Amino acid sequence: MKPAHIRVQELQKEVANLAELRDEAQSEMDSNMDEAIYYRKKASEAEARMYARQEEIDARLAEITELEEQQEVLVHAATA
């Protein structure tokens, strides 16, 4: 069995190493959180663009439908 002071020194080294690993993990976590926030924002912006484009598509489709209906009325009126 090792003397207590040697075991204390070993444990202190382990604590220092573990603290360094913890700090590295903290730094990695912070970096990943920053990236997550960035990409969440980018995804939200893309979603907003997607819905805006869909609204534009819907408006164009409604206009097409309206024009086709007007054209149909004119064709029926011309043939009647």
PDB file of N, CA and C in Angstrom:
ATOM      1  N   MET A   1       0.837  -1.173   0.000  1.00  0.00           N
ATOM      2  CA  MET A   1       0.000   0.000   0.000  1.00  0.00           C
ATOM      3  C   MET A   1       0.890   1.247   0.000  1.00  0.00           C
ATOM      4  N   LYS A   2       0.491   2.226  -0.817  1.00  0.00           N
ATOM      5  CA  LYS A   2       1.272   3.452  -0.962  1.00  0.00           C
ATOM      6  C   LYS A   2       1.053   4.361   0.241  1.00  0.00           C
ATOM      7  N   PRO A   3       2.076   5.145   0.537  1.00  0.00           N
ATOM      8  CA  PRO A   3       1.894   6.148   1.596  1.00  0.00           C
ATOM      9  C   PRO A   3       0.805   7.139   1.188  1.00  0.00           C
ATOM     10  N   ALA A   4       0.152   7.671   2.160  1.00  0.00           N
ATOM     11  CA  ALA A   4      -0.984   8.563   1.916  1.00  0.00           C
ATOM     12  C   ALA A   4      -0.595   9.784   1.109  1.00  0.00           C
ATOM     13  N   HIS A   5       0.582  10.353   1.357  1.00  0.00           N
ATOM     14  CA  HIS A   5       0.956  11.574   0.641  1.00  0.00           C
ATOM     15  C   HIS A   5       1.182  11.297  -0.852  1.00  0.00           C
ATOM     16  N   ILE A   6       1.662  10.092  -1.185  1.00  0.00           N
ATOM     17  CA  ILE A   6       1.830   9.736  -2.606  1.00  0.00           C
ATOM     18  C   ILE A   6       0.464   9.561  -3.255  1.00  0.00           C
ATOM     19  N   ARG A   7      -0.439   8.918  -2.560  1.00  0.00           N
ATOM     20  CA  ARG A   7      -1.804   8.733  -3.102  1.00  0.00           C
ATOM     21  C   ARG A   7      -2.486  10.082  -3.285  1.00  0.00           C
ATOM     22  N   VAL A   8      -2.284  10.992  -2.360  1.00  0.00           N
ATOM     23  CA  VAL A   8      -2.849  12.340  -2.462  1.00  0.00           C
ATOM     24  C   VAL A   8      -2.307  13.022  -3.710  1.00  0.00           C
ATOM     25  N   GLN A   9      -0.997  12.911  -3.948  1.00  0.00           N
ATOM     26  CA  GLN A   9      -0.407  13.521  -5.141  1.00  0.00           C
ATOM     27  C   GLN A   9      -0.994  12.921  -6.423  1.00  0.00           C
ATOM     28  N   GLU A  10      -1.151  11.599  -6.455  1.00  0.00           N
ATOM     29  CA  GLU A  10      -1.738  10.928  -7.617  1.00  0.00           C
ATOM     30  C   GLU A  10      -3.165  11.427  -7.853  1.00  0.00           C
ATOM     31  N   LEU A  11      -3.927  11.514  -6.768  1.00  0.00           N
ATOM     32  CA  LEU A  11      -5.310  11.976  -6.882  1.00  0.00           C
ATOM     33  C   LEU A  11      -5.372  13.431  -7.343  1.00  0.00           C
ATOM     34  N   GLN A  12      -4.432  14.245  -6.870  1.00  0.00           N
ATOM     35  CA  GLN A  12      -4.391  15.641  -7.295  1.00  0.00           C
ATOM     36  C   GLN A  12      -4.100  15.737  -8.797  1.00  0.00           C
ATOM     37  N   LYS A  13      -3.207  14.882  -9.302  1.00  0.00           N
ATOM     38  CA  LYS A  13      -2.910  14.845 -10.733  1.00  0.00           C
ATOM     39  C   LYS A  13      -4.154  14.418 -11.521  1.00  0.00           C
ATOM     40  N   GLU A  14      -4.835  13.403 -11.010  1.00  0.00           N
ATOM     41  CA  GLU A  14      -6.062  12.939 -11.673  1.00  0.00           C
ATOM     42  C   GLU A  14      -7.108  14.050 -11.702  1.00  0.00           C
ATOM     43  N   VAL A  15      -7.240  14.753 -10.601  1.00  0.00           N
ATOM     44  CA  VAL A  15      -8.197  15.863 -10.530  1.00  0.00           C
ATOM     45  C   VAL A  15      -7.824  16.936 -11.546  1.00  0.00           C
ATOM     46  N   ALA A  16      -6.543  17.261 -11.648  1.00  0.00           N
ATOM     47  CA  ALA A  16      -6.097  18.263 -12.614  1.00  0.00           C
ATOM     48  C   ALA A  16      -6.393  17.811 -14.042  1.00  0.00           C
ATOM     49  N   ASN A  17      -6.111  16.539 -14.330  1.00  0.00           N
ATOM     50  CA  ASN A  17      -6.395  16.006 -15.674  1.00  0.00           C
ATOM     51  C   ASN A  17      -7.890  16.017 -15.965  1.00  0.00           C
ATOM     52  N   LEU A  18      -8.666  15.588 -15.000  1.00  0.00           N
ATOM     53  CA  LEU A  18     -10.118  15.572 -15.175  1.00  0.00           C
ATOM     54  C   LEU A  18     -10.669  16.995 -15.337  1.00  0.00           C
ATOM     55  N   ALA A  19     -10.108  17.933 -14.600  1.00  0.00           N
ATOM     56  CA  ALA A  19     -10.550  19.326 -14.723  1.00  0.00           C
ATOM     57  C   ALA A  19     -10.243  19.845 -16.124  1.00  0.00           C
ATOM     58  N   GLU A  20      -9.082  19.468 -16.664  1.00  0.00           N
ATOM     59  CA  GLU A  20      -8.722  19.878 -18.026  1.00  0.00           C
ATOM     60  C   GLU A  20      -9.685  19.262 -19.041  1.00  0.00           C
ATOM     61  N   LEU A  21      -9.991  17.980 -18.875  1.00  0.00           N
ATOM     62  CA  LEU A  21     -10.952  17.313 -19.765  1.00  0.00           C
ATOM     63  C   LEU A  21     -12.340  17.945 -19.652  1.00  0.00           C
ATOM     64  N   ARG A  22     -12.720  18.295 -18.426  1.00  0.00           N
ATOM     65  CA  ARG A  22     -14.001  18.957 -18.216  1.00  0.00           C
ATOM     66  C   ARG A  22     -14.046  20.299 -18.937  1.00  0.00           C
ATOM     67  N   ASP A  23     -12.958  21.068 -18.834  1.00  0.00           N
ATOM     68  CA  ASP A  23     -12.898  22.366 -19.497  1.00  0.00           C
ATOM     69  C   ASP A  23     -12.963  22.225 -21.013  1.00  0.00           C
ATOM     70  N   GLU A  24     -12.307  21.197 -21.549  1.00  0.00           N
ATOM     71  CA  GLU A  24     -12.377  20.933 -22.991  1.00  0.00           C
ATOM     72  C   GLU A  24     -13.807  20.586 -23.402  1.00  0.00           C
ATOM     73  N   ALA A  25     -14.460  19.761 -22.601  1.00  0.00           N
ATOM     74  CA  ALA A  25     -15.848  19.385 -22.888  1.00  0.00           C
ATOM     75  C   ALA A  25     -16.761  20.605 -22.811  1.00  0.00           C
ATOM     76  N   GLN A  26     -16.516  21.468 -21.835  1.00  0.00           N
ATOM     77  CA  GLN A  26     -17.306  22.697 -21.686  1.00  0.00           C
ATOM     78  C   GLN A  26     -17.126  23.577 -22.912  1.00  0.00           C
ATOM     79  N   SER A  27     -15.894  23.714 -23.365  1.00  0.00           N
ATOM     80  CA  SER A  27     -15.606  24.530 -24.541  1.00  0.00           C
ATOM     81  C   SER A  27     -16.300  23.955 -25.783  1.00  0.00           C
ATOM     82  N   GLU A  28     -16.235  22.632 -25.934  1.00  0.00           N
ATOM     83  CA  GLU A  28     -16.899  21.970 -27.056  1.00  0.00           C
ATOM     84  C   GLU A  28     -18.413  22.162 -26.982  1.00  0.00           C
ATOM     85  N   MET A  29     -18.957  22.025 -25.786  1.00  0.00           N
ATOM     86  CA  MET A  29     -20.390  22.211 -25.606  1.00  0.00           C
ATOM     87  C   MET A  29     -20.796  23.638 -25.970  1.00  0.00           C
ATOM     88  N   ASP A  30     -20.026  24.619 -25.493  1.00  0.00           N
ATOM     89  CA  ASP A  30     -20.331  26.016 -25.803  1.00  0.00           C
ATOM     90  C   ASP A  30     -20.298  26.263 -27.303  1.00  0.00           C
ATOM     91  N   SER A  31     -19.291  25.719 -27.952  1.00  0.00           N
ATOM     92  CA  SER A  31     -19.160  25.879 -29.406  1.00  0.00           C
ATOM     93  C   SER A  31     -20.347  25.243 -30.125  1.00  0.00           C
ATOM     94  N   ASN A  32     -20.711  24.044 -29.696  1.00  0.00           N
ATOM     95  CA  ASN A  32     -21.844  23.362 -30.323  1.00  0.00           C
ATOM     96  C   ASN A  32     -23.151  24.083 -30.065  1.00  0.00           C
ATOM     97  N   MET A  33     -23.291  24.667 -28.884  1.00  0.00           N
ATOM     98  CA  MET A  33     -24.501  25.425 -28.579  1.00  0.00           C
ATOM     99  C   MET A  33     -24.586  26.652 -29.484  1.00  0.00           C
ATOM    100  N   ASP A  34     -23.443  27.321 -29.685  1.00  0.00           N
ATOM    101  CA  ASP A  34     -23.417  28.476 -30.587  1.00  0.00           C
ATOM    102  C   ASP A  34     -23.826  28.064 -31.997  1.00  0.00           C
ATOM    103  N   GLU A  35     -23.298  26.924 -32.448  1.00  0.00           N
ATOM    104  CA  GLU A  35     -23.652  26.425 -33.776  1.00  0.00           C
ATOM    105  C   GLU A  35     -25.131  26.048 -33.835  1.00  0.00           C
ATOM    106  N   ALA A  36     -25.624  25.446 -32.773  1.00  0.00           N
ATOM    107  CA  ALA A  36     -27.036  25.053 -32.746  1.00  0.00           C
ATOM    108  C   ALA A  36     -27.933  26.287 -32.850  1.00  0.00           C
ATOM    109  N   ILE A  37     -27.573  27.329 -32.125  1.00  0.00           N
ATOM    110  CA  ILE A  37     -28.347  28.574 -32.187  1.00  0.00           C
ATOM    111  C   ILE A  37     -28.289  29.150 -33.591  1.00  0.00           C
ATOM    112  N   TYR A  38     -27.090  29.155 -34.191  1.00  0.00           N
ATOM    113  CA  TYR A  38     -26.919  29.670 -35.556  1.00  0.00           C
ATOM    114  C   TYR A  38     -27.788  28.896 -36.534  1.00  0.00           C
ATOM    115  N   TYR A  39     -27.707  27.565 -36.483  1.00  0.00           N
ATOM    116  CA  TYR A  39     -28.460  26.756 -37.443  1.00  0.00           C
ATOM    117  C   TYR A  39     -29.957  26.777 -37.168  1.00  0.00           C
ATOM    118  N   ARG A  40     -30.345  26.915 -35.906  1.00  0.00           N
ATOM    119  CA  ARG A  40     -31.767  27.043 -35.589  1.00  0.00           C
ATOM    120  C   ARG A  40     -32.301  28.331 -36.207  1.00  0.00           C
ATOM    121  N   LYS A  41     -31.514  29.407 -36.115  1.00  0.00           N
ATOM    122  CA  LYS A  41     -31.911  30.684 -36.710  1.00  0.00           C
ATOM    123  C   LYS A  41     -31.996  30.549 -38.225  1.00  0.00           C
ATOM    124  N   LYS A  42     -31.000  29.888 -38.827  1.00  0.00           N
ATOM    125  CA  LYS A  42     -31.004  29.696 -40.283  1.00  0.00           C
ATOM    126  C   LYS A  42     -32.218  28.866 -40.707  1.00  0.00           C
ATOM    127  N   ALA A  43     -32.541  27.845 -39.941  1.00  0.00           N
ATOM    128  CA  ALA A  43     -33.688  27.005 -40.262  1.00  0.00           C
ATOM    129  C   ALA A  43     -34.983  27.803 -40.154  1.00  0.00           C
ATOM    130  N   SER A  44     -35.081  28.645 -39.142  1.00  0.00           N
ATOM    131  CA  SER A  44     -36.265  29.479 -38.963  1.00  0.00           C
ATOM    132  C   SER A  44     -36.419  30.456 -40.128  1.00  0.00           C
ATOM    133  N   GLU A  45     -35.302  31.038 -40.558  1.00  0.00           N
ATOM    134  CA  GLU A  45     -35.346  31.952 -41.703  1.00  0.00           C
ATOM    135  C   GLU A  45     -35.757  31.211 -42.971  1.00  0.00           C
ATOM    136  N   ALA A  46     -35.232  30.017 -43.167  1.00  0.00           N
ATOM    137  CA  ALA A  46     -35.586  29.217 -44.341  1.00  0.00           C
ATOM    138  C   ALA A  46     -37.065  28.834 -44.302  1.00  0.00           C
ATOM    139  N   GLU A  47     -37.561  28.515 -43.125  1.00  0.00           N
ATOM    140  CA  GLU A  47     -38.981  28.171 -42.984  1.00  0.00           C
ATOM    141  C   GLU A  47     -39.851  29.368 -43.359  1.00  0.00           C
ATOM    142  N   ALA A  48     -39.467  30.549 -42.911  1.00  0.00           N
ATOM    143  CA  ALA A  48     -40.227  31.759 -43.246  1.00  0.00           C
ATOM    144  C   ALA A  48     -40.223  31.991 -44.759  1.00  0.00           C
ATOM    145  N   ARG A  49     -39.065  31.788 -45.390  1.00  0.00           N
ATOM    146  CA  ARG A  49     -38.995  31.936 -46.853  1.00  0.00           C
ATOM    147  C   ARG A  49     -39.866  30.904 -47.550  1.00  0.00           C
ATOM    148  N   MET A  50     -39.858  29.693 -47.036  1.00  0.00           N
ATOM    149  CA  MET A  50     -40.659  28.621 -47.623  1.00  0.00           C
ATOM    150  C   MET A  50     -42.146  28.983 -47.587  1.00  0.00           C
ATOM    151  N   TYR A  51     -42.627  29.456 -46.432  1.00  0.00           N
ATOM    152  CA  TYR A  51     -44.034  29.830 -46.324  1.00  0.00           C
ATOM    153  C   TYR A  51     -44.364  31.038 -47.201  1.00  0.00           C
ATOM    154  N   ALA A  52     -43.448  31.980 -47.292  1.00  0.00           N
ATOM    155  CA  ALA A  52     -43.666  33.148 -48.150  1.00  0.00           C
ATOM    156  C   ALA A  52     -43.775  32.711 -49.617  1.00  0.00           C
ATOM    157  N   ARG A  53     -42.914  31.800 -50.043  1.00  0.00           N
ATOM    158  CA  ARG A  53     -42.973  31.305 -51.426  1.00  0.00           C
ATOM    159  C   ARG A  53     -44.264  30.535 -51.674  1.00  0.00           C
ATOM    160  N   GLN A  54     -44.695  29.782 -50.659  1.00  0.00           N
ATOM    161  CA  GLN A  54     -45.948  29.038 -50.821  1.00  0.00           C
ATOM    162  C   GLN A  54     -47.116  29.998 -50.966  1.00  0.00           C
ATOM    163  N   GLU A  55     -47.094  31.094 -50.220  1.00  0.00           N
ATOM    164  CA  GLU A  55     -48.154  32.106 -50.357  1.00  0.00           C
ATOM    165  C   GLU A  55     -48.132  32.696 -51.760  1.00  0.00           C
ATOM    166  N   GLU A  56     -46.941  32.941 -52.297  1.00  0.00           N
ATOM    167  CA  GLU A  56     -46.830  33.456 -53.657  1.00  0.00           C
ATOM    168  C   GLU A  56     -47.368  32.444 -54.666  1.00  0.00           C
ATOM    169  N   ILE A  57     -47.032  31.181 -54.456  1.00  0.00           N
ATOM    170  CA  ILE A  57     -47.536  30.114 -55.335  1.00  0.00           C
ATOM    171  C   ILE A  57     -49.051  30.077 -55.283  1.00  0.00           C
ATOM    172  N   ASP A  58     -49.609  30.108 -54.083  1.00  0.00           N
ATOM    173  CA  ASP A  58     -51.063  30.071 -53.924  1.00  0.00           C
ATOM    174  C   ASP A  58     -51.729  31.256 -54.619  1.00  0.00           C
ATOM    175  N   ALA A  59     -51.119  32.435 -54.502  1.00  0.00           N
ATOM    176  CA  ALA A  59     -51.674  33.628 -55.150  1.00  0.00           C
ATOM    177  C   ALA A  59     -51.655  33.463 -56.666  1.00  0.00           C
ATOM    178  N   ARG A  60     -50.542  32.942 -57.198  1.00  0.00           N
ATOM    179  CA  ARG A  60     -50.449  32.730 -58.657  1.00  0.00           C
ATOM    180  C   ARG A  60     -51.471  31.698 -59.126  1.00  0.00           C
ATOM    181  N   LEU A  61     -51.620  30.617 -58.345  1.00  0.00           N
ATOM    182  CA  LEU A  61     -52.591  29.581 -58.712  1.00  0.00           C
ATOM    183  C   LEU A  61     -54.013  30.132 -58.679  1.00  0.00           C
ATOM    184  N   ALA A  62     -54.298  30.974 -57.704  1.00  0.00           N
ATOM    185  CA  ALA A  62     -55.626  31.588 -57.623  1.00  0.00           C
ATOM    186  C   ALA A  62     -55.850  32.487 -58.840  1.00  0.00           C
ATOM    187  N   GLU A  63     -54.817  33.230 -59.234  1.00  0.00           N
ATOM    188  CA  GLU A  63     -54.937  34.101 -60.410  1.00  0.00           C
ATOM    189  C   GLU A  63     -55.138  33.270 -61.676  1.00  0.00           C
ATOM    190  N   ILE A  64     -54.422  32.152 -61.785  1.00  0.00           N
ATOM    191  CA  ILE A  64     -54.598  31.265 -62.935  1.00  0.00           C
ATOM    192  C   ILE A  64     -56.025  30.752 -62.983  1.00  0.00           C
ATOM    193  N   THR A  65     -56.534  30.308 -61.841  1.00  0.00           N
ATOM    194  CA  THR A  65     -57.901  29.793 -61.773  1.00  0.00           C
ATOM    195  C   THR A  65     -58.894  30.867 -62.188  1.00  0.00           C
ATOM    196  N   GLU A  66     -58.698  32.066 -61.690  1.00  0.00           N
ATOM    197  CA  GLU A  66     -59.594  33.174 -62.019  1.00  0.00           C
ATOM    198  C   GLU A  66     -59.557  33.474 -63.515  1.00  0.00           C
ATOM    199  N   LEU A  67     -58.364  33.515 -64.091  1.00  0.00           N
ATOM    200  CA  LEU A  67     -58.237  33.796 -65.527  1.00  0.00           C
ATOM    201  C   LEU A  67     -58.849  32.681 -66.368  1.00  0.00           C
ATOM    202  N   GLU A  68     -58.657  31.445 -65.945  1.00  0.00           N
ATOM    203  CA  GLU A  68     -59.248  30.314 -66.674  1.00  0.00           C
ATOM    204  C   GLU A  68     -60.771  30.371 -66.608  1.00  0.00           C
ATOM    205  N   GLU A  69     -61.313  30.745 -65.445  1.00  0.00           N
ATOM    206  CA  GLU A  69     -62.760  30.867 -65.316  1.00  0.00           C
ATOM    207  C   GLU A  69     -63.290  31.991 -66.200  1.00  0.00           C
ATOM    208  N   GLN A  70     -62.582  33.119 -66.242  1.00  0.00           N
ATOM    209  CA  GLN A  70     -62.987  34.231 -67.107  1.00  0.00           C
ATOM    210  C   GLN A  70     -62.944  33.804 -68.576  1.00  0.00           C
ATOM    211  N   GLN A  71     -61.896  33.068 -68.935  1.00  0.00           N
ATOM    212  CA  GLN A  71     -61.739  32.597 -70.303  1.00  0.00           C
ATOM    213  C   GLN A  71     -62.884  31.648 -70.662  1.00  0.00           C
ATOM    214  N   GLU A  72     -63.258  30.792 -69.728  1.00  0.00           N
ATOM    215  CA  GLU A  72     -64.340  29.843 -69.938  1.00  0.00           C
ATOM    216  C   GLU A  72     -65.654  30.593 -70.159  1.00  0.00           C
ATOM    217  N   VAL A  73     -65.894  31.637 -69.355  1.00  0.00           N
ATOM    218  CA  VAL A  73     -67.113  32.436 -69.492  1.00  0.00           C
ATOM    219  C   VAL A  73     -67.133  33.094 -70.857  1.00  0.00           C
ATOM    220  N   LEU A  74     -66.002  33.624 -71.311  1.00  0.00           N
ATOM    221  CA  LEU A  74     -65.933  34.275 -72.613  1.00  0.00           C
ATOM    222  C   LEU A  74     -66.169  33.272 -73.754  1.00  0.00           C
ATOM    223  N   VAL A  75     -65.635  32.094 -73.627  1.00  0.00           N
ATOM    224  CA  VAL A  75     -65.820  31.055 -74.642  1.00  0.00           C
ATOM    225  C   VAL A  75     -67.281  30.657 -74.696  1.00  0.00           C
ATOM    226  N   HIS A  76     -67.929  30.492 -73.556  1.00  0.00           N
ATOM    227  CA  HIS A  76     -69.343  30.138 -73.522  1.00  0.00           C
ATOM    228  C   HIS A  76     -70.195  31.269 -74.083  1.00  0.00           C
ATOM    229  N   ALA A  77     -69.845  32.490 -73.782  1.00  0.00           N
ATOM    230  CA  ALA A  77     -70.589  33.639 -74.281  1.00  0.00           C
ATOM    231  C   ALA A  77     -70.425  33.754 -75.800  1.00  0.00           C
ATOM    232  N   ALA A  78     -69.254  33.467 -76.304  1.00  0.00           N
ATOM    233  CA  ALA A  78     -69.010  33.580 -77.742  1.00  0.00           C
ATOM    234  C   ALA A  78     -69.712  32.458 -78.510  1.00  0.00           C
ATOM    235  N   THR A  79     -69.863  31.318 -77.902  1.00  0.00           N
ATOM    236  CA  THR A  79     -70.514  30.188 -78.582  1.00  0.00           C
ATOM    237  C   THR A  79     -72.016  30.184 -78.390  1.00  0.00           C
ATOM    238  N   ALA A  80     -72.514  31.009 -77.482  1.00  0.00           N
ATOM    239  CA  ALA A  80     -73.957  31.008 -77.221  1.00  0.00           C
ATOM    240  C   ALA A  80     -74.710  31.888 -78.190  1.00  0.00           C
TER     241      ALA A  80
END
